[in-house]
N, C-alpha and C. Protein backbone atom coordinates (compact mmCIF):
# COMPACT_ATOMS: atom_id res chain seq x y z
N MET A 1 0.84 -1.16 0.00
CA MET A 1 0.00 0.00 0.00
C MET A 1 0.89 1.23 0.00
N GLY A 2 0.48 2.21 -0.74
CA GLY A 2 1.23 3.46 -0.82
C GLY A 2 0.90 4.42 0.32
N LYS A 3 1.73 5.45 0.44
CA LYS A 3 1.56 6.42 1.52
C LYS A 3 0.24 7.19 1.39
N SER A 4 -0.10 7.58 0.19
CA SER A 4 -1.34 8.35 0.01
C SER A 4 -2.56 7.52 0.35
N VAL A 5 -2.55 6.25 -0.04
CA VAL A 5 -3.67 5.36 0.29
C VAL A 5 -3.75 5.17 1.80
N ALA A 6 -2.62 4.98 2.45
CA ALA A 6 -2.61 4.81 3.90
C ALA A 6 -3.19 6.04 4.60
N LEU A 7 -2.79 7.22 4.18
CA LEU A 7 -3.31 8.45 4.78
C LEU A 7 -4.80 8.61 4.53
N ARG A 8 -5.25 8.27 3.34
CA ARG A 8 -6.69 8.37 3.04
C ARG A 8 -7.50 7.40 3.91
N MET A 9 -6.92 6.23 4.20
CA MET A 9 -7.59 5.29 5.10
C MET A 9 -7.64 5.84 6.52
N LEU A 10 -6.53 6.44 6.98
CA LEU A 10 -6.52 7.00 8.32
C LEU A 10 -7.53 8.13 8.48
N MET A 11 -7.78 8.85 7.40
CA MET A 11 -8.76 9.93 7.45
C MET A 11 -10.19 9.41 7.28
N GLY A 12 -10.33 8.14 6.89
CA GLY A 12 -11.65 7.57 6.69
C GLY A 12 -12.21 7.83 5.31
N PHE A 13 -11.39 8.34 4.38
CA PHE A 13 -11.85 8.60 3.02
C PHE A 13 -11.96 7.31 2.22
N LEU A 14 -11.10 6.35 2.52
CA LEU A 14 -11.11 5.04 1.87
C LEU A 14 -11.28 3.97 2.93
N LYS A 15 -11.91 2.86 2.53
CA LYS A 15 -12.05 1.72 3.43
C LYS A 15 -11.17 0.59 2.91
N PRO A 16 -10.46 -0.10 3.80
CA PRO A 16 -9.63 -1.21 3.35
C PRO A 16 -10.50 -2.34 2.82
N ASP A 17 -10.01 -3.03 1.79
CA ASP A 17 -10.80 -4.13 1.24
C ASP A 17 -10.56 -5.43 1.99
N ARG A 18 -9.44 -5.53 2.73
CA ARG A 18 -9.19 -6.74 3.51
C ARG A 18 -8.03 -6.53 4.47
N GLY A 19 -8.10 -7.19 5.59
CA GLY A 19 -6.97 -7.34 6.48
C GLY A 19 -6.52 -6.16 7.32
N LEU A 20 -6.87 -4.96 6.98
CA LEU A 20 -6.36 -3.79 7.72
C LEU A 20 -7.42 -3.26 8.67
N HIS A 21 -6.96 -2.75 9.79
CA HIS A 21 -7.83 -2.12 10.77
C HIS A 21 -7.19 -0.80 11.19
N PRO A 22 -7.31 0.24 10.34
CA PRO A 22 -6.65 1.50 10.66
C PRO A 22 -7.18 2.10 11.95
N ARG A 23 -6.24 2.62 12.77
CA ARG A 23 -6.57 3.24 14.05
C ARG A 23 -5.79 4.54 14.20
N VAL A 24 -6.36 5.45 14.93
CA VAL A 24 -5.67 6.66 15.33
C VAL A 24 -5.77 6.72 16.84
N GLU A 25 -4.60 6.70 17.49
CA GLU A 25 -4.53 6.69 18.95
C GLU A 25 -5.46 5.63 19.54
N GLY A 26 -5.46 4.45 18.94
CA GLY A 26 -6.23 3.31 19.43
C GLY A 26 -7.67 3.27 19.00
N GLN A 27 -8.17 4.32 18.37
CA GLN A 27 -9.57 4.37 17.95
C GLN A 27 -9.72 3.86 16.53
N GLU A 28 -10.59 2.87 16.34
CA GLU A 28 -10.87 2.32 15.01
C GLU A 28 -11.46 3.41 14.12
N ILE A 29 -10.98 3.47 12.89
CA ILE A 29 -11.50 4.45 11.93
C ILE A 29 -12.77 3.91 11.27
N ILE A 30 -12.68 2.68 10.76
CA ILE A 30 -13.80 2.08 10.05
C ILE A 30 -14.92 1.79 11.05
N GLY A 31 -16.10 2.26 10.73
CA GLY A 31 -17.24 2.05 11.59
C GLY A 31 -17.43 3.12 12.65
N SER A 32 -16.53 4.10 12.70
CA SER A 32 -16.69 5.18 13.67
C SER A 32 -17.85 6.07 13.26
N ALA A 33 -18.57 6.54 14.25
CA ALA A 33 -19.66 7.47 13.99
C ALA A 33 -19.08 8.79 13.49
N GLU A 34 -19.90 9.59 12.87
CA GLU A 34 -19.46 10.87 12.31
C GLU A 34 -18.77 11.75 13.36
N GLU A 35 -19.31 11.78 14.57
CA GLU A 35 -18.68 12.61 15.62
C GLU A 35 -17.31 12.06 16.00
N GLY A 36 -17.15 10.74 15.96
CA GLY A 36 -15.85 10.14 16.23
C GLY A 36 -14.84 10.49 15.16
N LEU A 37 -15.28 10.47 13.90
CA LEU A 37 -14.39 10.87 12.80
C LEU A 37 -14.02 12.34 12.89
N ARG A 38 -14.94 13.18 13.30
CA ARG A 38 -14.63 14.60 13.47
C ARG A 38 -13.53 14.80 14.51
N ALA A 39 -13.62 14.06 15.60
CA ALA A 39 -12.60 14.16 16.65
C ALA A 39 -11.24 13.70 16.11
N ILE A 40 -11.25 12.65 15.31
CA ILE A 40 -10.00 12.16 14.71
C ILE A 40 -9.45 13.19 13.74
N HIS A 41 -10.30 13.78 12.93
CA HIS A 41 -9.86 14.77 11.94
C HIS A 41 -9.23 15.99 12.61
N LYS A 42 -9.64 16.30 13.82
CA LYS A 42 -9.03 17.42 14.54
C LYS A 42 -7.59 17.10 14.94
N ARG A 43 -7.25 15.81 15.04
CA ARG A 43 -5.92 15.40 15.48
C ARG A 43 -4.98 15.08 14.32
N ILE A 44 -5.52 15.05 13.09
CA ILE A 44 -4.72 14.70 11.92
C ILE A 44 -4.82 15.84 10.91
N THR A 45 -3.72 16.13 10.28
CA THR A 45 -3.71 17.11 9.20
C THR A 45 -3.26 16.42 7.94
N MET A 46 -3.96 16.67 6.86
CA MET A 46 -3.59 16.09 5.58
C MET A 46 -3.51 17.21 4.56
N VAL A 47 -2.40 17.26 3.85
CA VAL A 47 -2.19 18.30 2.86
C VAL A 47 -2.16 17.64 1.48
N PHE A 48 -3.03 18.09 0.60
CA PHE A 48 -3.02 17.60 -0.77
C PHE A 48 -2.13 18.52 -1.58
N GLN A 49 -0.94 18.04 -1.88
CA GLN A 49 0.03 18.87 -2.57
C GLN A 49 1.05 17.97 -3.24
N ASN A 50 1.42 18.29 -4.46
CA ASN A 50 2.47 17.51 -5.12
C ASN A 50 3.77 17.66 -4.35
N GLY A 51 4.45 16.55 -4.16
CA GLY A 51 5.73 16.58 -3.49
C GLY A 51 5.67 16.70 -1.99
N ALA A 52 4.47 16.57 -1.40
CA ALA A 52 4.34 16.70 0.05
C ALA A 52 4.87 15.46 0.78
N LEU A 53 4.93 14.32 0.09
CA LEU A 53 5.44 13.10 0.70
C LEU A 53 6.81 12.79 0.11
N PHE A 54 7.63 12.12 0.89
CA PHE A 54 8.96 11.76 0.44
C PHE A 54 8.93 10.45 -0.33
N ASP A 55 9.21 10.50 -1.62
CA ASP A 55 9.20 9.29 -2.44
C ASP A 55 10.24 8.27 -1.98
N SER A 56 11.32 8.75 -1.39
CA SER A 56 12.42 7.86 -1.02
C SER A 56 12.24 7.21 0.35
N LEU A 57 11.21 7.58 1.11
CA LEU A 57 11.01 7.03 2.44
C LEU A 57 9.77 6.15 2.50
N ARG A 58 9.84 5.15 3.34
CA ARG A 58 8.65 4.34 3.59
C ARG A 58 7.62 5.17 4.35
N CYS A 59 6.41 4.68 4.40
CA CYS A 59 5.30 5.41 5.02
C CYS A 59 5.62 5.81 6.46
N ALA A 60 6.08 4.87 7.28
CA ALA A 60 6.33 5.16 8.69
C ALA A 60 7.40 6.25 8.85
N ARG A 61 8.44 6.22 8.04
CA ARG A 61 9.50 7.24 8.14
C ARG A 61 8.99 8.60 7.68
N THR A 62 8.09 8.61 6.69
CA THR A 62 7.49 9.86 6.23
C THR A 62 6.66 10.49 7.35
N VAL A 63 5.89 9.65 8.06
CA VAL A 63 5.07 10.13 9.17
C VAL A 63 5.97 10.58 10.32
N ALA A 64 7.07 9.86 10.55
CA ALA A 64 7.96 10.16 11.66
C ALA A 64 8.77 11.44 11.46
N PHE A 65 9.00 11.82 10.23
CA PHE A 65 9.88 12.94 9.93
C PHE A 65 9.52 14.22 10.69
N PRO A 66 8.28 14.72 10.62
CA PRO A 66 7.99 15.96 11.34
C PRO A 66 8.05 15.80 12.86
N LEU A 67 7.81 14.58 13.35
CA LEU A 67 7.92 14.35 14.79
C LEU A 67 9.37 14.50 15.26
N ALA A 68 10.28 14.04 14.43
CA ALA A 68 11.70 14.16 14.77
C ALA A 68 12.19 15.60 14.59
N GLU A 69 11.74 16.23 13.52
CA GLU A 69 12.24 17.57 13.20
C GLU A 69 11.63 18.69 14.03
N HIS A 70 10.33 18.56 14.35
CA HIS A 70 9.62 19.69 14.95
C HIS A 70 9.07 19.43 16.35
N ALA A 71 8.84 18.18 16.69
CA ALA A 71 8.23 17.88 17.99
C ALA A 71 9.25 17.59 19.07
N GLY A 72 10.51 17.40 18.67
CA GLY A 72 11.56 17.15 19.65
C GLY A 72 11.44 15.80 20.36
N LEU A 73 10.81 14.83 19.71
CA LEU A 73 10.65 13.52 20.32
C LEU A 73 11.87 12.64 20.04
N ASN A 74 12.17 11.73 20.98
CA ASN A 74 13.26 10.79 20.72
C ASN A 74 12.73 9.62 19.89
N GLU A 75 13.61 8.76 19.44
CA GLU A 75 13.23 7.67 18.53
C GLU A 75 12.19 6.74 19.15
N ASP A 76 12.30 6.43 20.44
CA ASP A 76 11.30 5.56 21.09
C ASP A 76 9.92 6.21 21.12
N GLN A 77 9.87 7.51 21.41
CA GLN A 77 8.60 8.23 21.44
C GLN A 77 7.98 8.28 20.04
N ILE A 78 8.82 8.51 19.05
CA ILE A 78 8.33 8.55 17.66
C ILE A 78 7.78 7.19 17.26
N GLN A 79 8.52 6.13 17.57
CA GLN A 79 8.07 4.78 17.22
C GLN A 79 6.72 4.47 17.86
N GLU A 80 6.55 4.89 19.10
CA GLU A 80 5.27 4.63 19.80
C GLU A 80 4.12 5.37 19.13
N LYS A 81 4.36 6.57 18.64
CA LYS A 81 3.29 7.33 17.97
C LYS A 81 3.02 6.80 16.55
N VAL A 82 4.07 6.43 15.83
CA VAL A 82 3.91 6.00 14.44
C VAL A 82 3.38 4.58 14.35
N CYS A 83 3.89 3.68 15.16
CA CYS A 83 3.51 2.26 15.11
C CYS A 83 3.27 1.74 16.52
N PRO A 84 2.20 2.19 17.19
CA PRO A 84 1.97 1.72 18.56
C PRO A 84 1.62 0.23 18.57
N VAL A 85 2.03 -0.44 19.61
CA VAL A 85 1.71 -1.86 19.77
C VAL A 85 0.44 -1.96 20.58
N GLY A 86 -0.48 -2.81 20.08
CA GLY A 86 -1.72 -3.02 20.84
C GLY A 86 -2.80 -2.26 20.30
């Protein structure tokens, strides 16, 4: 799956056809009520722009980049936010 498709799933714009259960901070995206999606959308920003994603990086590293550059998080904190376990 590509980065753009993954982001569209996280925003609830696309539904996975099999096997995936996208979550934001532990909350399931698919099947969320409209008010739940609104709360999720307040926590996620998506920019539709050519060149906004790094072609040379995998999805997780693309998501991690601003956390490392601007949020001042260490690698363990970034990993927990990008790929939480559970």
